[in-house]
């Protein structure tokens, strides 16, 4: 059949699975945590943390 093996763009489960697979640390393989911090000047900053250091 035509299109066999392709995943639909509306397949939410497949998209969530692909998104979750991309959020791994390249050094240890654990999930990366995203944290919002404030700088000294008061601006918000998003930091991706894993292995105890910013990724």
N, C-alpha and C. Protein backbone atom coordinates (compact mmCIF):
# COMPACT_ATOMS: atom_id res chain seq x y z
N UNK A 1 0.82 -1.18 0.00
CA UNK A 1 0.00 0.00 0.00
C UNK A 1 0.87 1.25 0.00
N UNK A 2 0.36 2.30 -0.57
CA UNK A 2 1.09 3.56 -0.62
C UNK A 2 1.13 4.20 0.76
N UNK A 3 2.30 4.73 1.12
CA UNK A 3 2.43 5.41 2.39
C UNK A 3 2.64 4.49 3.58
N UNK A 4 2.86 3.21 3.31
CA UNK A 4 3.03 2.27 4.41
C UNK A 4 4.36 2.54 5.11
N UNK A 5 4.35 2.57 6.45
CA UNK A 5 5.56 2.81 7.21
C UNK A 5 5.78 4.27 7.56
N UNK A 6 5.02 5.17 6.92
CA UNK A 6 5.15 6.59 7.23
C UNK A 6 4.25 6.92 8.42
N UNK A 7 4.70 7.89 9.22
CA UNK A 7 3.90 8.31 10.36
C UNK A 7 3.17 9.59 10.01
N UNK A 8 1.93 9.66 10.40
CA UNK A 8 1.10 10.82 10.12
C UNK A 8 1.53 12.00 10.99
N UNK A 9 1.37 13.21 10.48
CA UNK A 9 1.66 14.40 11.26
C UNK A 9 0.68 14.55 12.41
N UNK A 10 -0.47 13.92 12.30
CA UNK A 10 -1.47 14.02 13.35
C UNK A 10 -1.32 12.92 14.40
N UNK A 11 -0.32 12.07 14.25
CA UNK A 11 -0.08 11.00 15.22
C UNK A 11 0.63 11.61 16.43
N UNK A 12 -0.13 12.04 17.41
CA UNK A 12 0.39 12.77 18.57
C UNK A 12 1.35 11.90 19.38
N UNK A 13 1.03 10.64 19.55
CA UNK A 13 1.88 9.75 20.34
C UNK A 13 3.27 9.62 19.71
N UNK A 14 3.33 9.52 18.40
CA UNK A 14 4.61 9.40 17.71
C UNK A 14 5.42 10.68 17.84
N UNK A 15 4.76 11.83 17.76
CA UNK A 15 5.47 13.11 17.89
C UNK A 15 6.00 13.30 19.30
N UNK A 16 5.23 12.92 20.31
CA UNK A 16 5.68 13.03 21.70
C UNK A 16 6.87 12.10 21.95
N UNK A 17 6.83 10.92 21.37
CA UNK A 17 7.91 9.96 21.52
C UNK A 17 9.20 10.48 20.89
N UNK A 18 9.09 11.09 19.72
CA UNK A 18 10.26 11.66 19.04
C UNK A 18 10.81 12.85 19.81
N UNK A 19 9.93 13.66 20.37
CA UNK A 19 10.36 14.83 21.14
C UNK A 19 11.08 14.39 22.42
N UNK A 20 10.58 13.38 23.10
CA UNK A 20 11.18 12.89 24.33
C UNK A 20 12.55 12.27 24.07
N UNK A 21 12.72 11.67 22.91
CA UNK A 21 14.00 11.03 22.59
C UNK A 21 15.09 12.07 22.39
N UNK A 22 14.74 13.28 21.99
CA UNK A 22 15.72 14.32 21.73
C UNK A 22 16.17 15.07 22.97
N UNK A 23 15.56 14.85 24.12
CA UNK A 23 15.89 15.58 25.34
C UNK A 23 16.83 14.80 26.24
N UNK A 24 17.85 14.19 25.68
CA UNK A 24 18.81 13.42 26.45
C UNK A 24 20.17 14.11 26.43
N UNK A 25 20.90 13.99 27.53
CA UNK A 25 22.24 14.56 27.63
C UNK A 25 23.19 13.78 26.74
N UNK A 26 24.05 14.49 26.01
CA UNK A 26 24.97 13.81 25.11
C UNK A 26 26.13 13.16 25.86
N UNK A 27 26.32 13.50 27.14
CA UNK A 27 27.42 12.93 27.91
C UNK A 27 26.99 11.73 28.75
N UNK A 28 25.87 11.87 29.51
CA UNK A 28 25.47 10.79 30.41
C UNK A 28 24.20 10.06 29.95
N UNK A 29 23.42 10.64 29.05
CA UNK A 29 22.21 9.99 28.55
C UNK A 29 20.98 10.23 29.40
N UNK A 30 21.10 10.99 30.48
CA UNK A 30 19.95 11.29 31.33
C UNK A 30 19.13 12.42 30.73
N UNK A 31 17.91 12.58 31.26
CA UNK A 31 17.03 13.64 30.78
C UNK A 31 17.58 15.00 31.20
N UNK A 32 17.50 15.98 30.31
CA UNK A 32 17.98 17.34 30.58
C UNK A 32 16.86 18.13 31.26
N UNK A 33 17.22 18.82 32.34
CA UNK A 33 16.26 19.64 33.07
C UNK A 33 16.41 21.09 32.62
N UNK A 34 15.29 21.75 32.35
CA UNK A 34 15.31 23.15 31.94
C UNK A 34 14.86 23.99 33.14
N UNK A 35 15.70 24.95 33.53
CA UNK A 35 15.45 25.77 34.71
C UNK A 35 15.44 27.24 34.33
N UNK A 36 14.50 28.02 34.87
CA UNK A 36 14.48 29.45 34.63
C UNK A 36 15.14 30.14 35.82
N UNK A 37 16.13 30.99 35.55
CA UNK A 37 16.83 31.72 36.59
C UNK A 37 16.76 33.20 36.30
N UNK A 38 17.10 33.99 37.30
CA UNK A 38 17.17 35.44 37.15
C UNK A 38 18.63 35.86 37.17
N UNK A 39 19.01 36.74 36.25
CA UNK A 39 20.37 37.26 36.24
C UNK A 39 20.47 38.41 37.25
N UNK A 40 21.68 38.91 37.47
CA UNK A 40 21.90 40.01 38.41
C UNK A 40 21.14 41.27 37.98
N UNK A 41 20.95 41.44 36.68
CA UNK A 41 20.24 42.62 36.19
C UNK A 41 18.73 42.45 36.23
N UNK A 42 18.24 41.27 36.62
CA UNK A 42 16.80 41.03 36.75
C UNK A 42 16.15 40.38 35.55
N UNK A 43 16.92 40.00 34.55
CA UNK A 43 16.36 39.35 33.37
C UNK A 43 16.20 37.85 33.61
N UNK A 44 15.19 37.27 32.98
CA UNK A 44 14.97 35.82 33.08
C UNK A 44 15.85 35.11 32.06
N UNK A 45 16.35 33.94 32.46
CA UNK A 45 17.22 33.17 31.58
C UNK A 45 16.89 31.69 31.73
N UNK A 46 16.72 30.99 30.62
CA UNK A 46 16.47 29.55 30.63
C UNK A 46 17.80 28.82 30.53
N UNK A 47 18.04 27.89 31.45
CA UNK A 47 19.28 27.12 31.46
C UNK A 47 18.94 25.65 31.39
N UNK A 48 19.63 24.93 30.53
CA UNK A 48 19.46 23.47 30.42
C UNK A 48 20.54 22.83 31.29
N UNK A 49 20.10 22.06 32.31
CA UNK A 49 21.05 21.50 33.26
C UNK A 49 21.05 19.97 33.19
N UNK A 50 22.23 19.42 33.32
CA UNK A 50 22.40 17.98 33.43
C UNK A 50 23.82 17.74 33.94
N UNK A 51 24.06 16.66 34.61
CA UNK A 51 25.37 16.28 35.13
C UNK A 51 25.92 17.35 36.08
N UNK A 52 25.07 18.18 36.68
CA UNK A 52 25.52 19.19 37.61
C UNK A 52 26.06 20.46 36.97
N UNK A 53 26.10 20.53 35.64
CA UNK A 53 26.60 21.72 34.96
C UNK A 53 25.62 22.12 33.87
N UNK A 54 25.65 23.39 33.44
CA UNK A 54 24.78 23.79 32.32
C UNK A 54 25.14 23.05 31.05
N UNK A 55 24.14 22.58 30.33
CA UNK A 55 24.38 21.83 29.09
C UNK A 55 24.37 22.74 27.90
